[in-house]
N, C-alpha and C. Protein backbone atom coordinates (compact mmCIF):
# COMPACT_ATOMS: atom_id res chain seq x y z
N MET A 1 33.50 116.20 1.12
CA MET A 1 34.45 117.04 0.41
C MET A 1 35.15 118.00 1.37
N LEU A 2 34.43 118.39 2.39
CA LEU A 2 35.03 119.29 3.37
C LEU A 2 36.13 118.59 4.16
N LEU A 3 35.96 117.30 4.43
CA LEU A 3 37.01 116.56 5.13
C LEU A 3 38.25 116.38 4.26
N LEU A 4 38.07 116.20 2.96
CA LEU A 4 39.19 116.13 2.03
C LEU A 4 39.94 117.46 2.01
N TYR A 5 39.19 118.55 1.99
CA TYR A 5 39.79 119.88 2.02
C TYR A 5 40.58 120.09 3.32
N LEU A 6 40.01 119.65 4.43
CA LEU A 6 40.69 119.76 5.72
C LEU A 6 42.00 118.97 5.70
N GLY A 7 41.96 117.74 5.18
CA GLY A 7 43.17 116.92 5.12
C GLY A 7 44.26 117.54 4.25
N ILE A 8 43.89 118.05 3.10
CA ILE A 8 44.87 118.67 2.20
C ILE A 8 45.46 119.92 2.84
N GLU A 9 44.62 120.71 3.48
CA GLU A 9 45.10 121.96 4.09
C GLU A 9 46.05 121.69 5.25
N VAL A 10 45.73 120.70 6.08
CA VAL A 10 46.60 120.37 7.22
C VAL A 10 47.95 119.84 6.72
N ILE A 11 47.93 118.97 5.74
CA ILE A 11 49.18 118.42 5.19
C ILE A 11 49.99 119.53 4.52
N ARG A 12 49.33 120.43 3.80
CA ARG A 12 50.02 121.53 3.13
C ARG A 12 50.71 122.44 4.14
N LEU A 13 50.00 122.79 5.20
CA LEU A 13 50.59 123.65 6.22
C LEU A 13 51.72 122.96 6.98
N PHE A 14 51.57 121.66 7.23
CA PHE A 14 52.63 120.92 7.92
C PHE A 14 53.91 120.91 7.10
N PHE A 15 53.79 120.57 5.81
CA PHE A 15 54.99 120.51 4.97
C PHE A 15 55.58 121.90 4.74
N GLY A 16 54.75 122.92 4.65
CA GLY A 16 55.25 124.28 4.50
C GLY A 16 56.05 124.72 5.71
N THR A 17 55.53 124.43 6.89
CA THR A 17 56.23 124.78 8.12
C THR A 17 57.53 123.99 8.27
N LYS A 18 57.45 122.69 8.00
CA LYS A 18 58.64 121.84 8.12
C LYS A 18 59.72 122.26 7.12
N GLY A 19 59.32 122.54 5.88
CA GLY A 19 60.29 122.95 4.88
C GLY A 19 60.92 124.29 5.18
N ASN A 20 60.13 125.20 5.75
CA ASN A 20 60.65 126.52 6.07
C ASN A 20 61.60 126.47 7.27
N LEU A 21 61.23 125.75 8.31
CA LEU A 21 62.06 125.69 9.50
C LEU A 21 63.35 124.92 9.27
N CYS A 22 63.29 123.83 8.49
CA CYS A 22 64.48 123.02 8.22
C CYS A 22 65.26 123.50 7.01
N GLN A 23 64.74 124.50 6.31
CA GLN A 23 65.34 125.04 5.09
C GLN A 23 65.60 123.93 4.08
N ARG A 24 64.57 123.13 3.82
CA ARG A 24 64.65 122.03 2.86
C ARG A 24 63.69 122.29 1.72
N LYS A 25 64.13 121.93 0.52
CA LYS A 25 63.34 122.21 -0.68
C LYS A 25 62.19 121.24 -0.89
N MET A 26 62.37 119.97 -0.55
CA MET A 26 61.35 118.96 -0.85
C MET A 26 60.03 119.20 -0.10
N PRO A 27 60.04 119.38 1.23
CA PRO A 27 58.75 119.64 1.89
C PRO A 27 58.10 120.94 1.42
N LEU A 28 58.91 121.94 1.12
CA LEU A 28 58.37 123.20 0.64
C LEU A 28 57.78 123.04 -0.76
N GLY A 29 58.40 122.20 -1.58
CA GLY A 29 57.85 121.90 -2.91
C GLY A 29 56.53 121.15 -2.82
N ILE A 30 56.42 120.25 -1.85
CA ILE A 30 55.16 119.53 -1.65
C ILE A 30 54.07 120.52 -1.22
N SER A 31 54.44 121.46 -0.39
CA SER A 31 53.48 122.48 0.04
C SER A 31 53.02 123.34 -1.13
N VAL A 32 53.95 123.69 -2.02
CA VAL A 32 53.58 124.46 -3.22
C VAL A 32 52.64 123.64 -4.09
N ALA A 33 52.92 122.36 -4.25
CA ALA A 33 52.07 121.50 -5.08
C ALA A 33 50.67 121.34 -4.48
N LEU A 34 50.57 121.30 -3.15
CA LEU A 34 49.27 121.16 -2.51
C LEU A 34 48.51 122.48 -2.41
N THR A 35 49.16 123.59 -2.72
CA THR A 35 48.47 124.88 -2.71
C THR A 35 47.41 124.93 -3.81
N PHE A 36 47.68 124.32 -4.95
CA PHE A 36 46.73 124.37 -6.06
C PHE A 36 45.43 123.62 -5.77
N PRO A 37 45.46 122.38 -5.25
CA PRO A 37 44.18 121.75 -4.88
C PRO A 37 43.45 122.50 -3.77
N SER A 38 44.21 123.07 -2.85
CA SER A 38 43.59 123.83 -1.77
C SER A 38 42.88 125.07 -2.32
N ALA A 39 43.51 125.77 -3.23
CA ALA A 39 42.89 126.95 -3.84
C ALA A 39 41.70 126.56 -4.71
N MET A 40 41.79 125.41 -5.37
CA MET A 40 40.66 124.95 -6.18
C MET A 40 39.45 124.65 -5.31
N MET A 41 39.67 124.02 -4.16
CA MET A 41 38.55 123.72 -3.27
C MET A 41 37.98 124.99 -2.65
N ALA A 42 38.83 125.95 -2.33
CA ALA A 42 38.34 127.22 -1.79
C ALA A 42 37.51 127.95 -2.84
N SER A 43 37.96 127.92 -4.09
CA SER A 43 37.18 128.59 -5.14
C SER A 43 35.89 127.83 -5.43
N TYR A 44 35.88 126.51 -5.24
CA TYR A 44 34.64 125.75 -5.38
C TYR A 44 33.63 126.22 -4.33
N TYR A 45 34.09 126.32 -3.09
CA TYR A 45 33.18 126.75 -2.04
C TYR A 45 32.75 128.20 -2.23
N LEU A 46 33.52 128.97 -2.96
CA LEU A 46 33.16 130.37 -3.22
C LEU A 46 32.20 130.50 -4.39
N LEU A 47 32.47 129.79 -5.49
CA LEU A 47 31.74 130.02 -6.73
C LEU A 47 30.72 128.95 -7.09
N LEU A 48 31.02 127.69 -6.86
CA LEU A 48 30.20 126.62 -7.39
C LEU A 48 29.26 125.96 -6.38
N GLN A 49 29.38 126.33 -5.13
CA GLN A 49 28.50 125.75 -4.13
C GLN A 49 27.08 126.29 -4.35
N THR A 50 26.07 125.48 -4.08
CA THR A 50 24.69 125.86 -4.36
C THR A 50 24.22 127.04 -3.52
N TYR A 51 24.43 126.98 -2.24
CA TYR A 51 23.96 128.05 -1.36
C TYR A 51 25.16 128.59 -0.59
N VAL A 52 25.49 129.85 -0.80
CA VAL A 52 26.65 130.45 -0.17
C VAL A 52 26.20 131.67 0.62
N LEU A 53 26.55 131.70 1.89
CA LEU A 53 26.27 132.88 2.71
C LEU A 53 27.26 133.99 2.38
N ARG A 54 26.88 135.21 2.66
CA ARG A 54 27.77 136.33 2.39
C ARG A 54 29.05 136.22 3.22
N LEU A 55 28.91 135.79 4.46
CA LEU A 55 30.08 135.61 5.31
C LEU A 55 31.02 134.55 4.75
N GLU A 56 30.46 133.46 4.22
CA GLU A 56 31.28 132.42 3.58
C GLU A 56 32.02 132.96 2.37
N ALA A 57 31.35 133.77 1.58
CA ALA A 57 31.99 134.35 0.40
C ALA A 57 33.15 135.27 0.79
N ILE A 58 32.95 136.06 1.83
CA ILE A 58 34.01 136.95 2.29
C ILE A 58 35.18 136.15 2.83
N MET A 59 34.89 135.13 3.64
CA MET A 59 35.96 134.32 4.22
C MET A 59 36.73 133.55 3.15
N ASN A 60 36.03 133.01 2.15
CA ASN A 60 36.73 132.30 1.08
C ASN A 60 37.54 133.24 0.21
N GLY A 61 37.06 134.46 0.01
CA GLY A 61 37.86 135.44 -0.72
C GLY A 61 39.14 135.77 0.02
N ILE A 62 39.04 135.95 1.33
CA ILE A 62 40.23 136.21 2.14
C ILE A 62 41.17 135.01 2.11
N LEU A 63 40.61 133.80 2.16
CA LEU A 63 41.41 132.58 2.08
C LEU A 63 42.18 132.50 0.76
N LEU A 64 41.53 132.86 -0.33
CA LEU A 64 42.21 132.83 -1.63
C LEU A 64 43.33 133.87 -1.70
N VAL A 65 43.13 135.02 -1.08
CA VAL A 65 44.20 136.03 -1.04
C VAL A 65 45.38 135.50 -0.25
N PHE A 66 45.11 134.86 0.89
CA PHE A 66 46.19 134.29 1.69
C PHE A 66 46.88 133.13 0.95
N CYS A 67 46.12 132.31 0.24
CA CYS A 67 46.74 131.22 -0.54
C CYS A 67 47.66 131.78 -1.62
N GLY A 68 47.24 132.84 -2.27
CA GLY A 68 48.08 133.47 -3.29
C GLY A 68 49.34 134.06 -2.70
N SER A 69 49.22 134.74 -1.56
CA SER A 69 50.40 135.32 -0.94
C SER A 69 51.33 134.23 -0.40
N GLU A 70 50.78 133.15 0.14
CA GLU A 70 51.62 132.03 0.58
C GLU A 70 52.35 131.39 -0.58
N LEU A 71 51.67 131.25 -1.71
CA LEU A 71 52.31 130.67 -2.89
C LEU A 71 53.46 131.54 -3.35
N LEU A 72 53.26 132.85 -3.37
CA LEU A 72 54.33 133.77 -3.77
C LEU A 72 55.51 133.67 -2.82
N LEU A 73 55.24 133.67 -1.53
CA LEU A 73 56.33 133.58 -0.54
C LEU A 73 57.03 132.23 -0.58
N GLU A 74 56.29 131.15 -0.83
CA GLU A 74 56.92 129.83 -0.92
C GLU A 74 57.83 129.74 -2.13
N VAL A 75 57.41 130.30 -3.25
CA VAL A 75 58.25 130.27 -4.45
C VAL A 75 59.50 131.11 -4.23
N LEU A 76 59.36 132.28 -3.60
CA LEU A 76 60.54 133.10 -3.31
C LEU A 76 61.48 132.39 -2.33
N THR A 77 60.93 131.69 -1.36
CA THR A 77 61.75 130.94 -0.41
C THR A 77 62.45 129.78 -1.09
N LEU A 78 61.76 129.09 -1.99
CA LEU A 78 62.41 128.02 -2.76
C LEU A 78 63.55 128.55 -3.60
N ALA A 79 63.37 129.72 -4.18
CA ALA A 79 64.45 130.32 -4.96
C ALA A 79 65.63 130.68 -4.07
N ALA A 80 65.36 131.16 -2.87
CA ALA A 80 66.45 131.49 -1.93
C ALA A 80 67.17 130.22 -1.47
N PHE A 81 66.42 129.13 -1.24
CA PHE A 81 67.04 127.88 -0.82
C PHE A 81 67.87 127.28 -1.94
N SER A 82 67.48 127.52 -3.19
CA SER A 82 68.23 126.97 -4.32
C SER A 82 69.58 127.65 -4.48
N ARG A 83 69.69 128.90 -4.06
CA ARG A 83 70.95 129.63 -4.17
C ARG A 83 71.94 129.21 -3.10
N ILE A 84 71.44 128.64 -2.01
CA ILE A 84 72.33 128.27 -0.89
C ILE A 84 73.11 127.01 -1.23
């Protein structure tokens, strides 16, 4: 499951970077769509995993904050690209 999470996260970041640099809506939309599975896996590792270290809980909490802020910025960027 960790390898699946790694694959989704790498693809999400690649499309987010590509969409932002090229100012294209499609790659940025794919990145927004992949944010939800990424956040679901991060919350799984935070809440539903059998044994969680305190450091893991703190890091996953920070990861969820960054995922939320990235989602907000991606949606605002998509809105800006739609006006162009």
